[in-house]
Amino acid sequence: MNKADNNIVLAKPSGITLEQHNKDVVKESLSICLVLPASLSKYSKMVGKNLTNLLCASAEWHDEGKKHNKWQTACWKDYQNYKVWKTKNPEGNFLKYSKECLDEAGENLRKNNFRHEMESLRIVVPQGDLLMSQKVAIAAHHSKLGRRYENKWEACEAYRSIWKEFLMTSSSITLKNDFSLLCSAHIEYDAIRGLLQLSDHRASAKEEMEDISCLEPFSYTFPYTQKRGVQKIVEDNWKKDLLLLRAPTGAGKTDAALLWASKQIEAQRADRLIFAMPTRFTSNAISVNVSKELGQTGLYHSSAWSVISDRVKNNEISLSDALNQHKMARCLLSPITVCTIDHLLMSLTMTREDHHLISYNLANSCVVIDEADFYDDFTLANIQYLLKVLHEWKVPVLIMSASLPDSSLSLYQNTGYKIDSILEDSHDVNNIRKRFEIKDIIDYNEFKDIDPLIEKCFEIGNGILYMNTVDSAIALYKHICSKRTKEEIDNIHLYLYHSRFTEPDKLKKEEKIIKALGKKAWDEGNAKGIVIMTQIGEMSINISSEIMISELCPIDRMIQRTGRLCRFSDNMGILYILTPYRNKTIYPAPYGILEDNCWIPSKAFLMTKDVLLQKSYSSDDMTILLNNVYKEKFEFSFEAKSNVKELEKMFKYNWLICPRDVSDEDDVENKEWRSRNIVYQDDVFVCPPPTYQFRNYSEFLEYKLLYAISLPEYLVIKGKTKLNRIDSGYEVKIGKNSVIRLNVVRNGFYDDQKGLDLTCDEEDNFL
């Protein structure tokens, strides 16, 4: 064990010394702890130890193995290469050098095959100074505490004995089959493990003069002089660990949630707020809403980068700030993070190293779950398990929806939370006011059957048409265009909105639709337009119309749809219900089960068909129907139970050591488990790649997020073989070795008006 030249021990090929780097990581650890008062308090109560002290001690030791001569020799060679480059580029830094000289920067360290974190533990373990949780943090701080790296741990006796110790520690929890003990172990170990990585990354970024986002505390001031009913309810009941809140559209639920969160954070029950939304489309909408009142709101889901990059193009934010905000949101480090439920569920699989930091931050947040689908038992089973974990972690939760049936109470009572009722504002006169009238319920096979209804929309000058499948929506759009002149279409502003647009085109489409039928348009008296939408328009877009034509759907979805009838006024909306038929057989897709190419309607779909009548309805009336449709005690299907069992296994068996199969960053499923009961999805690109050689995955990801559409695998195959509209002959290289084939849409089958058109005369393909 020798120090290198001049007795200077380097930490990085940039020339940063180990002494300086250790000081920087400790300093960063302290600064992080300063903005996490609730996390520190919860750790002290649940683990009985001082998190700040444990984290800082781990930071002091985490790179001790870099003192080894083999590591220092390689690092000094890399440092000399950097210095040579620096003489020719005196204004440059190591970050610029690593980008310009990708192969040369750090080359010797990559080749020497020496894991300094394993050596750090070899030095530290005999001294007995650190707890097992600290050893785990040191072992994992470069993401190598996983079964795929077992051969490196087995390389020498000293490392092998440490690896066996980790295996024994892991088994000591999993074999006891104690759920509370397991959840406590996650808190104890993931705190130091996740925060040490965070401290190390932030310290290293600062050393390389990179921009990083500040860790900001949550801050919210209620913006109005008076509180509405639901806002008073959450303020009066904020001390309850779980709140179920039922409130109609427009009742002020978003501000109620922010008010509730402010109470949790003031009381140090949480450090941040997480809005968990059903889909990425609704999470876009809530982020825009929340950002108007609050500063740093993080948005994370698989398509969020398109939202952020749009802000970069408009010079609202720098590229580096945008990237940092996106990374912060992914790890749930923003004061408010808006994400999908899938993102939270995926973190419980522990199939990536960063899941430990994400889940730890989740454990120290307060969580709002907004508008979860009750007809979808597959997702609900996953949410129920998530809530069981959150209960053990003492996480305050608010579940709010306009369509929360009374029978859901038992579902949430089985999570460990103590709850005896669903709260709602029984004194709100708006709940008894008749909001809309069902004028007719029509069975239809072809669009010509509903031409008179479409004519009414044109006469009134506005309308929302809900189709249950993307193919139906596209086909209806084509049908209307074929029946009207271009002048008529342009005059009324006909829009089509569904999931098969690229993310940038979705945003542009949303902006146009909101401009046509949003609140401002109605307030100014110039609202005008007809919108054809699928399920993604049920919650994610704040618009209104006087007339609505909707295909039949489960009652909780229908409540969401009708929330857009006369949304910004007290007028009575007009609703027409369409019951779709194919070959004289009811066609419920996607609300049912597809067996042998035949759709079997779900029970909720059929019961909704039975309870809806031609009459006027208030919010209270719709709640009565909701409770009628979902009156029976909720039971999960065998498939839903089996799926959630796999999530339980991963949370249990991966709690300490990452599995051999590692998930990709945006995955919401793996071989064993899925967050939703949908078939495997594949990407289809709407234009050929600009290059056949991407410098790295990040460069490819930007192209993917701007030009890819996610489709069910069977539909991609159909587009290739039957319809001949998708090519798969495009090969691209990512980095040095990775070669992948891309599916690319042929010219003429994608545009920003219709989206990706895979319609034909056969089966529909749903969202």
Foldseek 3Di string as FASTA:
>chain_A
DAADPPNFQCDALQRHTPVNLLVQLLVLLVQVVVLQLLLQVLCCVLVVDGLNVQLNVLSNLLQVLSRDPLNRVLSPVLNVVVVVVCVVVVPDGVVVVCVVCVCSRSVSNVPSLDDSLLSSCLVVVVVVPHDPLSNLLSCCLVPQQFPLNVCVQVVDDSSVVVNVVLVVVLCVQLVVPDVLSLLSLLSSNLSSNQSSSVSSVVSVCVVRVADADDQDFDDADQDDPDDFQLLVVLVVVLVAQEAFAADAPPRPVLSSQVSSQVVCVVVSQAGAEEEAEADLLQLVQSQVVVCVRDPQEAEDALQCVLVLVVCCVVVVDPPSHSVNSHVCLLLVRHNYHYYHPLSQLVLLLLQGSSSSSSVNNVLRGAYEYEQDDPLFLLLLLSVLQVLLSSVSSSHRYYYYYNQDAFLCVVSNVVSVGDDDGHDYRPPDVLQVAFAAFAQEEAEDADVVVCVVVVVVCLVVQEEEEEDAALLVQLVNVVVVPVVDDPVSCVVQPEAEAEQQFAPVLNVVRLVVQCVQFNPVCVVVVNRGHYYYYYLSPLNNHHGADQEYEYEQDFLRSVSSNSCRYVVPHSDYHYYYYYQYDDPNHTDHPPQADQDPNDGDHDQRRVLSVVPDDRTTDGSVRSNVSSCVSVVDNDDRDPVSVQQVVSSVVSSSSSSSHNYSDHDDSNDSADPRHHSGPDADKDKEFADADPDQEAQAVVSVSVNCSRTIGIDHPVLLVCCVPVVVFWDFARWHHHHDDDIDTHIYGDPPQADSRSRGDPHDPDDGHRD
